[in-house]
Protein backbone atom coordinates (compact mmCIF):
# COMPACT_ATOMS: atom_id res chain seq x y z
CA MET A 1 30.59 -4.19 -24.36
CA GLN A 2 28.34 -1.62 -24.71
CA ALA A 3 27.01 -0.83 -28.62
CA GLY A 4 23.76 1.48 -28.10
CA PRO A 5 20.73 2.81 -28.88
CA ILE A 6 20.58 0.31 -32.29
CA HIS A 7 17.27 0.38 -34.50
CA ILE A 8 16.01 -3.64 -34.06
CA GLN A 9 14.32 -4.23 -37.42
CA ILE A 10 12.02 -7.66 -38.15
CA GLU A 11 12.41 -9.23 -41.36
CA GLU A 12 10.64 -12.13 -42.73
CA ASN A 13 12.51 -15.44 -43.02
CA ASN A 14 11.51 -16.04 -46.63
CA SER A 15 13.99 -12.48 -47.27
CA PHE A 16 16.07 -13.22 -44.78
CA PRO A 17 19.84 -14.25 -46.08
CA THR A 18 20.65 -18.06 -45.17
CA GLY A 19 23.53 -18.88 -42.82
CA ALA A 20 22.71 -16.07 -40.64
CA ASP A 21 19.70 -15.01 -37.86
CA ILE A 22 20.44 -11.44 -37.09
CA LEU A 23 22.40 -8.71 -39.42
CA LEU A 24 24.69 -6.05 -38.38
CA ASN A 25 27.02 -3.26 -39.82
CA TRP A 26 30.25 -4.46 -39.95
CA GLU A 27 31.91 -1.44 -37.73
CA THR A 28 29.16 -2.83 -35.14
CA VAL A 29 30.42 -5.98 -35.23
CA LYS A 30 34.08 -5.16 -34.60
CA ALA A 31 33.03 -2.63 -31.96
CA LEU A 32 31.29 -5.03 -29.69
CA GLY A 33 33.91 -7.57 -30.54
CA LEU A 34 31.69 -10.12 -32.64
CA SER A 35 33.06 -13.16 -35.20
CA ILE A 36 30.65 -13.40 -38.80
CA GLY A 37 29.36 -16.90 -38.92
CA ARG A 38 29.47 -17.70 -34.93
CA ARG A 39 26.68 -18.07 -32.57
CA ILE A 40 26.24 -16.18 -29.96
CA ILE A 41 23.28 -16.17 -27.21
CA LEU A 42 20.51 -13.10 -27.54
CA SER A 43 18.51 -11.88 -24.62
CA PHE A 44 15.39 -9.46 -24.21
CA GLY A 45 14.39 -9.82 -20.52
CA PHE A 46 14.47 -13.64 -19.33
CA ARG A 47 14.06 -14.57 -22.63
CA ARG A 48 17.31 -16.46 -24.82
CA ALA A 49 17.64 -17.63 -28.50
CA SER A 50 20.56 -18.59 -30.20
CA ALA A 51 21.57 -16.86 -33.76
CA ARG A 52 24.02 -16.80 -36.17
CA ILE A 53 25.59 -13.57 -37.09
CA GLY A 54 25.79 -11.90 -40.59
CA THR A 55 26.72 -8.32 -41.55
CA HIS A 56 24.88 -5.49 -43.98
CA THR A 57 25.59 -2.43 -45.53
CA ALA A 58 22.77 -0.14 -43.98
CA ALA A 59 23.71 2.09 -41.25
CA LYS A 60 25.65 0.81 -37.92
CA SER A 61 22.56 1.86 -36.03
CA ILE A 62 20.18 -1.15 -37.53
CA LEU A 63 20.18 -4.65 -36.61
CA LEU A 64 18.05 -6.79 -39.20
CA ILE A 65 16.34 -10.05 -37.21
CA ARG A 66 14.74 -13.30 -38.77
CA SER A 67 11.21 -12.83 -37.89
CA SER A 68 11.38 -16.54 -36.43
CA LEU A 69 13.91 -15.42 -33.64
CA ALA A 70 12.09 -12.33 -33.11
CA ASP A 71 9.04 -14.36 -32.10
CA GLN A 72 11.39 -16.51 -29.64
CA LEU A 73 12.47 -13.79 -28.05
CA MET A 74 8.90 -12.20 -27.90
CA LEU A 75 9.98 -8.64 -29.48
CA PRO A 76 6.59 -7.48 -30.33
CA PHE A 77 7.47 -4.81 -33.17
CA ASN A 78 10.25 -2.88 -34.74
CA PHE A 79 11.98 -0.74 -31.49
CA THR A 80 14.92 1.47 -30.67
CA ILE A 81 17.28 -0.29 -27.46
CA ARG A 82 20.36 -0.40 -26.32
CA VAL A 83 22.47 -3.46 -26.89
CA ASP A 84 25.24 -5.12 -24.27
CA TYR A 85 27.62 -7.97 -25.47
CA LYS A 86 29.06 -9.97 -22.78
CA PRO A 87 31.98 -11.71 -24.40
CA GLU A 88 32.37 -14.26 -21.58
CA LEU A 89 28.85 -15.38 -22.02
CA LYS A 90 28.87 -14.89 -25.66
CA GLU A 91 25.91 -13.05 -24.77
CA LEU A 92 24.60 -9.74 -26.70
CA ARG A 93 21.34 -8.42 -24.16
CA PHE A 94 18.49 -5.84 -25.70
CA GLY A 95 17.52 -3.92 -22.61
CA PRO A 96 16.80 -2.68 -19.93
CA LEU A 97 13.51 -4.05 -19.92
CA LEU A 98 11.16 -2.51 -17.39
CA GLY A 99 7.44 -4.14 -16.24
CA ILE A 100 5.43 -1.54 -14.41
CA LEU A 101 3.52 -3.15 -11.83
CA VAL A 102 0.11 -2.13 -10.98
CA SER A 103 -2.81 -3.29 -8.94
CA LYS A 104 -5.33 -2.73 -12.24
CA ALA A 105 -4.99 -2.09 -15.92
CA ASN A 106 -8.50 -1.61 -17.02
CA PHE A 107 -7.85 1.39 -19.11
CA GLN A 108 -7.84 1.18 -22.92
CA SER A 109 -7.08 4.70 -23.96
CA VAL A 110 -5.37 7.51 -23.10
CA ASP A 111 -7.86 9.80 -23.01
CA THR A 112 -8.15 9.41 -19.34
CA ASP A 113 -7.51 11.50 -16.10
CA ASP A 114 -6.45 8.50 -14.21
CA PRO A 115 -3.34 9.40 -12.93
CA TYR A 116 -1.97 6.13 -12.90
CA ALA A 117 -2.95 6.00 -16.86
CA LEU A 118 -1.76 9.22 -17.41
CA PHE A 119 2.03 7.88 -15.60
CA CYS A 120 2.37 4.77 -17.56
CA LYS A 121 1.85 6.72 -20.84
CA GLU A 122 4.61 8.87 -19.71
CA ALA A 123 6.46 6.10 -18.80
CA PHE A 124 6.45 4.32 -22.19
CA GLU A 125 7.40 7.83 -23.95
CA ALA A 126 9.88 8.06 -21.44
CA ALA A 127 11.64 4.22 -22.32
CA GLN A 128 11.04 5.70 -25.85
CA LYS A 129 13.56 8.54 -25.42
CA THR A 130 16.08 6.85 -23.03
CA GLU A 131 16.03 3.87 -25.95
CA SER A 132 14.99 1.63 -23.49
CA PHE A 133 11.45 -0.74 -23.59
CA CYS A 134 8.90 -0.92 -20.92
CA TYR A 135 5.43 -2.74 -20.15
CA VAL A 136 2.67 -2.57 -17.96
CA THR A 137 1.24 -5.65 -16.28
CA THR A 138 -0.49 -6.89 -13.32
CA LEU A 139 0.72 -10.02 -11.19
CA ASP A 140 -2.07 -12.08 -12.32
CA LYS A 141 -0.97 -11.52 -15.47
CA ILE A 142 2.83 -13.07 -14.76
CA LYS A 143 3.44 -16.46 -15.53
CA LEU A 144 6.75 -17.46 -14.05
CA ASP A 145 6.87 -21.15 -15.38
CA GLU A 146 7.22 -19.84 -18.46
CA LYS A 147 8.91 -16.50 -17.29
CA GLU A 148 7.04 -14.59 -19.47
CA ALA A 149 3.89 -11.81 -18.94
CA LEU A 150 0.81 -10.29 -20.91
CA GLY A 151 1.68 -6.48 -20.89
CA TRP A 152 -0.15 -3.82 -21.94
CA ILE A 153 1.76 -1.49 -24.73
CA LEU A 154 1.33 1.76 -25.70
CA GLN A 155 0.58 1.72 -29.57
CA ASN A 156 -1.69 4.62 -31.80
CA GLY A 157 -3.19 5.71 -28.58
CA GLU A 158 -4.43 2.21 -27.77
CA TRP A 159 -3.09 0.08 -25.46
CA GLU A 160 -2.52 -3.06 -26.85
CA GLU A 161 -2.03 -6.32 -24.99
CA HIS A 162 1.14 -8.04 -25.95
CA LYS A 163 2.68 -11.76 -24.09
CA LEU A 164 6.52 -10.31 -23.52
CA PRO A 165 9.13 -11.79 -21.54
CA LEU A 166 9.96 -11.12 -17.73
CA PRO A 167 11.60 -7.53 -17.41
CA ASP A 168 14.76 -7.36 -16.30
CA VAL A 169 13.38 -4.72 -13.84
CA PHE A 170 9.93 -4.65 -12.20
CA TYR A 171 8.88 -1.51 -10.45
CA ASN A 172 6.45 -1.73 -8.39
CA ARG A 173 3.48 0.64 -8.36
CA LEU A 174 0.84 -2.02 -6.03
CA GLY A 175 -1.60 -0.08 -4.51
CA ASN A 176 -3.10 -2.19 -1.98
CA ARG A 177 -1.09 -2.30 1.34
CA LEU A 178 -2.48 -5.00 3.11
CA GLN A 179 -2.01 -7.35 0.22
CA GLU A 180 1.17 -6.32 -0.41
CA ARG A 181 2.27 -7.16 3.08
CA SER A 182 0.61 -10.52 3.87
CA GLY A 183 -1.90 -11.68 0.76
CA ASP A 184 -1.44 -12.82 -2.36
CA ASP A 185 0.52 -10.07 -3.44
CA HIS A 186 2.88 -10.59 -1.05
CA GLU A 187 3.54 -14.16 -1.98
CA MET A 188 3.38 -13.15 -5.40
CA LEU A 189 6.73 -10.94 -4.90
CA LEU A 190 8.30 -13.15 -3.43
CA LYS A 191 8.22 -15.60 -6.03
CA ILE A 192 9.44 -13.05 -8.47
CA LYS A 193 12.45 -12.04 -6.62
CA GLU A 194 12.88 -16.14 -6.29
CA ALA A 195 12.81 -16.26 -9.96
CA GLY A 196 15.70 -13.78 -9.97
CA SER A 197 13.71 -10.62 -11.27
CA THR A 198 14.97 -7.19 -9.63
CA ILE A 199 11.85 -5.20 -7.66
CA PHE A 200 12.45 -1.46 -6.41
CA ASN A 201 10.30 0.06 -4.38
CA GLU A 202 9.09 -3.30 -3.73
CA ARG A 203 6.82 -2.62 -0.70
CA PHE A 204 5.07 0.58 1.07
CA LEU A 205 6.37 2.05 3.87
CA ASP A 206 5.63 1.62 8.02
CA LYS A 207 5.75 4.99 9.53
CA TRP A 208 6.56 3.57 12.45
CA ASP A 209 9.24 1.03 10.97
CA VAL A 210 11.19 4.93 9.82
CA TYR A 211 10.60 6.40 12.93
CA GLN A 212 12.54 3.57 14.41
CA GLN A 213 15.17 3.52 11.53
CA LEU A 214 16.25 7.25 11.74
CA ALA A 215 15.88 7.53 15.39
CA LEU A 216 19.51 5.93 15.89
CA THR A 217 20.84 8.06 13.21
CA PRO A 218 22.62 11.48 12.88
CA VAL A 219 19.47 12.83 11.07
CA HIS A 220 17.10 12.17 14.55
CA HIS A 221 17.18 15.83 15.04
CA TYR A 222 14.58 16.06 12.48
CA LEU A 223 11.64 13.68 13.97
CA PRO A 224 9.67 14.68 16.09
CA MET A 225 8.75 13.12 19.17
CA THR A 226 6.96 9.73 18.29
CA ILE A 227 5.61 6.77 20.35
CA LYS A 228 3.33 3.41 19.27
CA TYR A 229 0.18 3.89 20.44
CA ASN A 230 -1.23 1.29 22.34
CA HIS A 231 -2.99 2.29 25.49
CA PRO A 232 -4.89 5.62 26.34
CA LYS A 233 -2.07 6.35 28.83
CA LEU A 234 0.24 6.97 26.37
CA LEU A 235 -1.96 9.46 25.06
CA LEU A 236 -2.97 11.64 28.11
CA SER A 237 0.98 11.69 28.70
CA MET A 238 2.00 12.96 25.05
CA LEU A 239 -0.85 15.77 26.03
CA LYS A 240 1.02 16.55 29.21
CA SER A 241 3.88 17.40 26.88
CA TYR A 242 2.28 18.79 23.92
CA SER A 243 -0.77 20.80 23.94
CA VAL A 244 -0.95 19.54 20.49
CA ILE A 245 -0.49 15.73 19.13
CA TYR A 246 -0.94 13.94 15.59
CA LEU A 247 -2.27 10.59 15.67
CA LYS A 248 -1.65 9.12 12.37
CA PRO A 249 -2.43 5.17 10.82
CA ILE A 250 1.43 3.52 10.48
CA HIS A 251 -0.15 2.26 6.86
CA GLY A 252 -2.05 5.31 5.88
CA SER A 253 -1.28 8.00 2.84
CA GLU A 254 -2.67 11.08 1.45
CA GLY A 255 -3.39 12.19 4.85
CA ARG A 256 -5.97 9.83 5.56
CA GLY A 257 -7.26 8.87 8.81
CA ILE A 258 -5.00 11.57 10.34
CA ILE A 259 -6.34 13.22 13.78
CA ARG A 260 -5.34 16.21 15.41
CA VAL A 261 -5.84 16.40 19.38
CA GLN A 262 -5.59 20.12 20.86
CA SER A 263 -5.83 20.61 24.29
CA SER A 264 -6.69 23.93 26.04
CA PRO A 265 -8.07 25.11 28.91
CA LEU A 266 -11.48 24.79 27.81
CA GLY A 267 -11.43 21.37 26.59
CA TYR A 268 -10.44 19.19 23.56
CA ILE A 269 -10.55 19.53 19.95
CA ILE A 270 -10.48 16.70 17.48
CA ASP A 271 -9.81 17.53 13.77
CA GLN A 272 -9.38 14.60 11.72
CA THR A 273 -9.28 13.95 8.05
CA THR A 274 -11.62 11.03 5.72
CA LEU A 275 -11.38 10.64 2.38
CA SER A 276 -13.38 13.48 1.01
CA SER A 277 -13.88 15.19 4.08
CA TYR A 278 -13.05 17.16 7.16
CA GLU A 279 -14.57 16.66 10.51
CA ARG A 280 -14.13 18.76 13.84
CA ASN A 281 -15.67 17.68 17.21
CA HIS A 282 -15.31 19.68 20.98
CA PHE A 283 -15.09 18.04 23.96
CA LYS A 284 -15.08 19.58 27.65
CA LYS A 285 -14.21 16.44 29.54
CA LEU A 286 -11.29 14.12 28.81
CA ASN A 287 -13.06 10.89 29.51
CA GLU A 288 -15.90 12.09 27.36
CA MET A 289 -12.75 12.57 24.39
CA MET A 290 -11.28 9.26 24.77
CA LYS A 291 -14.52 8.08 24.97
CA TYR A 292 -14.87 9.00 21.64
CA LEU A 293 -11.50 8.23 20.24
CA SER A 294 -10.80 4.93 21.62
CA PRO A 295 -13.28 2.92 18.95
CA LYS A 296 -11.04 4.95 16.16
CA LEU A 297 -7.98 3.93 17.46
CA ARG A 298 -8.60 0.31 17.79
CA LYS A 299 -9.56 -0.75 14.30
CA LYS A 300 -6.00 0.29 13.42
CA THR A 301 -2.22 0.54 14.53
CA TYR A 302 -1.77 4.59 15.16
CA LEU A 303 1.65 6.55 16.35
CA ILE A 304 1.10 9.56 18.70
CA GLN A 305 3.07 12.15 17.16
CA GLN A 306 4.44 15.86 18.59
CA GLY A 307 2.80 18.72 17.18
CA ILE A 308 4.81 20.75 15.02
CA PRO A 309 4.07 24.54 14.66
CA LEU A 310 4.17 24.88 11.00
CA ILE A 311 4.58 28.30 8.80
CA ASP A 312 1.63 29.01 6.95
CA SER A 313 0.47 31.06 4.03
CA ASN A 314 -2.13 33.08 5.10
CA GLY A 315 -3.90 30.36 7.48
CA ALA A 316 -2.66 27.53 4.46
CA LYS A 317 0.06 25.45 6.22
CA VAL A 318 2.93 24.76 4.03
CA ASP A 319 5.44 21.57 3.62
CA PHE A 320 7.61 20.91 0.79
CA ARG A 321 7.92 17.70 -1.22
CA VAL A 322 11.25 16.61 -2.30
CA LEU A 323 11.21 13.79 -5.00
CA LEU A 324 14.45 11.67 -4.98
CA GLN A 325 15.21 9.18 -7.21
CA LYS A 326 18.63 6.59 -7.70
CA ASN A 327 20.81 7.56 -10.77
CA ARG A 328 23.14 5.42 -13.03
CA PHE A 329 25.27 4.87 -10.20
CA GLY A 330 22.44 3.42 -7.46
CA ASN A 331 23.37 6.82 -5.86
CA TRP A 332 20.23 9.28 -4.55
CA LYS A 333 19.83 12.48 -6.13
CA ILE A 334 17.23 15.34 -6.20
CA VAL A 335 14.83 15.25 -8.66
CA SER A 336 12.46 18.05 -7.57
CA ILE A 337 11.03 19.83 -4.82
CA ILE A 338 7.83 21.79 -4.41
CA ALA A 339 5.73 23.59 -1.80
CA ARG A 340 2.36 22.07 -0.65
CA LEU A 341 -0.13 24.34 0.57
CA GLY A 342 -3.15 22.91 2.64
CA ASN A 343 -6.79 23.64 1.97
CA PRO A 344 -7.42 26.43 4.53
CA ARG A 345 -9.94 24.50 6.22
CA THR A 346 -7.79 21.06 6.92
CA PHE A 347 -4.98 20.84 8.88
CA VAL A 348 -2.77 18.76 6.43
CA SER A 349 -1.48 19.69 2.99
CA ASN A 350 -2.14 16.88 0.42
CA LEU A 351 -3.27 17.21 -2.64
CA ALA A 352 -5.45 14.62 -2.09
CA GLN A 353 -7.36 16.82 0.66
CA GLY A 354 -7.33 19.88 -1.45
CA GLY A 355 -3.93 21.32 -1.22
CA LYS A 356 -2.17 22.87 -3.98
CA LEU A 357 1.40 23.31 -5.27
CA GLU A 358 3.48 26.16 -5.39
CA SER A 359 7.22 26.61 -6.56
CA ALA A 360 9.39 26.13 -3.35
CA ALA A 361 11.95 28.77 -3.93
CA SER A 362 9.01 31.63 -4.79
CA LEU A 363 6.90 30.90 -1.60
CA LEU A 364 10.17 30.74 0.64
CA LYS A 365 11.08 34.34 -0.63
CA GLN A 366 7.21 35.55 -0.14
CA LEU A 367 7.80 34.50 3.84
CA GLN A 368 10.44 36.15 4.50
CA SER A 369 9.21 38.93 5.82
CA HIS A 370 6.74 36.89 8.20
CA TYR A 371 9.09 34.42 9.71
CA ARG A 372 13.07 35.44 10.32
CA ASN A 373 15.53 32.44 9.64
CA LEU A 374 14.03 30.46 6.65
CA PRO A 375 16.11 27.76 5.61
CA SER A 376 17.10 27.61 1.79
CA VAL A 377 15.83 25.21 -1.00
CA LYS A 378 19.43 24.29 -0.88
CA GLU A 379 19.18 23.35 3.24
CA LEU A 380 16.02 21.71 2.03
CA LYS A 381 17.52 19.47 -0.51
CA SER A 382 20.50 19.28 1.64
CA SER A 383 18.36 17.30 4.68
CA ALA A 384 15.83 15.66 2.15
CA LEU A 385 19.13 14.08 0.90
CA GLU A 386 20.51 13.19 4.21
CA ILE A 387 17.08 11.55 5.30
CA ALA A 388 17.33 9.45 1.89
CA ASN A 389 20.77 7.64 2.62
CA PHE A 390 20.17 6.77 6.33
CA LEU A 391 16.76 5.40 5.83
CA ASP A 392 17.89 3.38 2.51
CA THR A 393 20.96 1.51 4.95
CA GLY A 394 18.75 1.11 7.25
CA LEU A 395 15.68 -0.22 5.53
CA ASP A 396 15.20 -3.79 4.22
CA GLY A 397 14.18 -4.33 0.32
CA ASN A 398 15.10 -1.92 -2.83
CA PHE A 399 14.45 1.75 -3.04
CA GLY A 400 15.04 3.53 -6.56
CA GLU A 401 12.34 6.59 -4.99
CA PHE A 402 11.47 8.75 -1.81
CA GLY A 403 9.40 11.22 -1.31
CA ILE A 404 9.82 13.38 0.83
CA ASP A 405 7.73 15.57 3.05
CA LEU A 406 9.68 18.43 5.39
CA GLY A 407 7.85 20.95 7.51
CA ILE A 408 9.57 24.25 8.59
CA ASP A 409 8.36 25.23 12.15
CA THR A 410 7.76 29.31 13.43
CA ALA A 411 11.41 29.40 14.22
CA GLY A 412 12.75 28.13 11.34
CA ARG A 413 13.64 24.45 11.85
CA ILE A 414 13.51 21.86 9.38
CA TRP A 415 11.26 18.81 10.89
CA LEU A 416 10.27 15.52 8.78
CA ILE A 417 6.81 14.95 8.23
CA GLU A 418 7.02 11.72 5.97
CA VAL A 419 8.73 9.17 3.55
CA ASN A 420 6.98 7.90 0.58
CA SER A 421 8.24 5.17 -0.71
CA LYS A 422 5.50 5.24 -3.69
CA PRO A 423 5.14 8.96 -3.94
CA SER A 424 2.09 9.91 -5.91
CA LYS A 425 2.21 10.26 -9.47
CA ARG A 426 -0.82 12.75 -9.97
CA ASN A 427 0.07 15.50 -12.22
CA ASP A 428 3.26 17.64 -9.62
CA ALA A 429 3.95 20.12 -12.00
CA ILE A 430 3.15 23.84 -10.81
CA SER A 431 2.70 24.90 -14.60
CA ASP A 432 -0.14 23.42 -16.79
CA GLN A 433 2.35 23.91 -19.49
CA VAL A 434 5.08 21.12 -18.06
CA LYS A 435 6.72 19.25 -20.97
CA ARG A 436 6.29 15.57 -20.66
CA PRO A 437 6.90 12.74 -20.11
CA ARG A 438 8.26 14.41 -16.89
CA PRO A 439 12.08 14.59 -15.40
CA SER A 440 11.05 12.62 -12.79
CA VAL A 441 9.51 9.80 -15.24
CA LEU A 442 12.56 10.12 -17.22
CA HIS A 443 15.25 9.73 -14.40
CA LEU A 444 13.64 6.20 -13.48
CA TYR A 445 15.11 4.54 -16.10
CA GLU A 446 18.72 5.72 -14.71
CA TYR A 447 18.13 3.08 -11.62
CA VAL A 448 16.48 0.92 -14.11
CA SER A 449 19.98 0.83 -16.36
CA TYR A 450 21.72 0.55 -12.97
CA LEU A 451 20.03 -2.66 -11.86
CA ALA A 452 19.83 -3.87 -15.27
CA GLY A 453 23.27 -3.38 -16.04
CA PHE A 454 22.61 -0.73 -18.80
CA ASP A 455 24.66 2.57 -19.30
CA LYS A 456 23.14 5.11 -22.28
CA ASN A 457 26.24 7.06 -21.66
CA ASN A 458 28.66 4.58 -22.60
CA PRO A 459 27.70 4.23 -26.10
CA THR A 460 30.32 3.33 -28.99
CA LEU A 461 28.07 4.01 -31.94
CA ASN A 462 27.94 7.30 -33.77
CA LYS A 463 24.50 8.96 -32.45
CA SER A 464 24.87 11.69 -35.33
CA LYS A 465 24.29 8.52 -37.98
CA PHE A 466 21.72 7.21 -35.74
CA ILE A 467 18.15 6.65 -37.92
CA LYS A 468 15.04 6.18 -36.28
CA ILE A 469 12.59 3.96 -38.32
CA ARG A 470 8.65 4.08 -37.83
CA PRO A 471 7.36 1.23 -35.66
CA LYS A 472 5.55 -1.34 -37.41
CA ASN A 473 3.38 -3.40 -35.69
CA ARG A 474 3.83 -7.25 -35.88
CA ARG A 475 0.14 -9.15 -35.54
């Protein structure tokens, strides 16, 4: 039974009436089905405490709470949040509470260009707009035995560290693929799930796993021919079938480590991307090319993929990033679609490799005179939604966000290039005048609410009488 949003206001013990630990407006008490003088359980994330109910005559959007009880629940200061009463458990929940897991949290000021610091700032602002609460933490700051963590909260333009409850939901933004798969991070993530907390986007995707999951579904026609490299003969076989092939690390991201191999009557051309550069090498003979490639292919696991003749704009390769997130019903929805134009000097369109953004609709309109049968933005969205649904059904784990990269070939056919379970949090807006927090950050809280069992679209309070009070820091 929901009665939110509500403003939690912490009062000192010596000013609180005897016989009560929380005070609510009488109408709120009735709406939630509570009884004056009775004890209920209050919960905030994984923190729980017993409380006696009293009433006040202030606005029904205000809940007054005794400071000693606020300390038990680890409420850091006055804030606005939703409440949900479960009569069968006699439990009044404050939430949803989101913990954002990052690999490091060394940012102390919002005045930084670090994409993750800017994203975390937006996530905190979006939590306030959606009557939720969030904090940023790292795995080493979590104490599972105590059901708590040290987390960073944005206050007065600075990140302050507070002791907070284990949250209802964790959003995994850890950046180390190897640690997440097999190291200490992996062990800790398993323990968090065993403790009962929900994690979404819980792992990076393996490109080979994605291909195998989709190859046997009705969306297989979006997939370029792909095989796993384990012997030079496989590479040679693919070169016989396709004049252009791509070698992609199964755990690569942002276009790093991709190798393009082109064969021609004059020999072979190898292009490759690194963290900050682009290289091209020519080989006249096959054995020379293989001698060059073999040491590289032994270092990582690679896929060999059919080269697609993608459309371009003035020499810049074009693809489309579709961002999908789950909504308050747990269903996939399209949040945004943008066109990405690669640096003309390279063969990938990733922003990390010098690509730039443009409106998908505008670019398709511009290219109509150069290419026939180009699909519409609606068709691209529909394709991405199909892919997300079939992939999510087959994958192990909980995913609430996909960045799906689609390409269009010169005949107008749509192809799947890549699916990213942790799409970049760099600025994905075309205009510098974007309103923040971005829709993609606000929409995250729909799925957080779904996972935590909250629904802001069922308030029983009259929001027109809702009063916001300036947050008060408690040291």
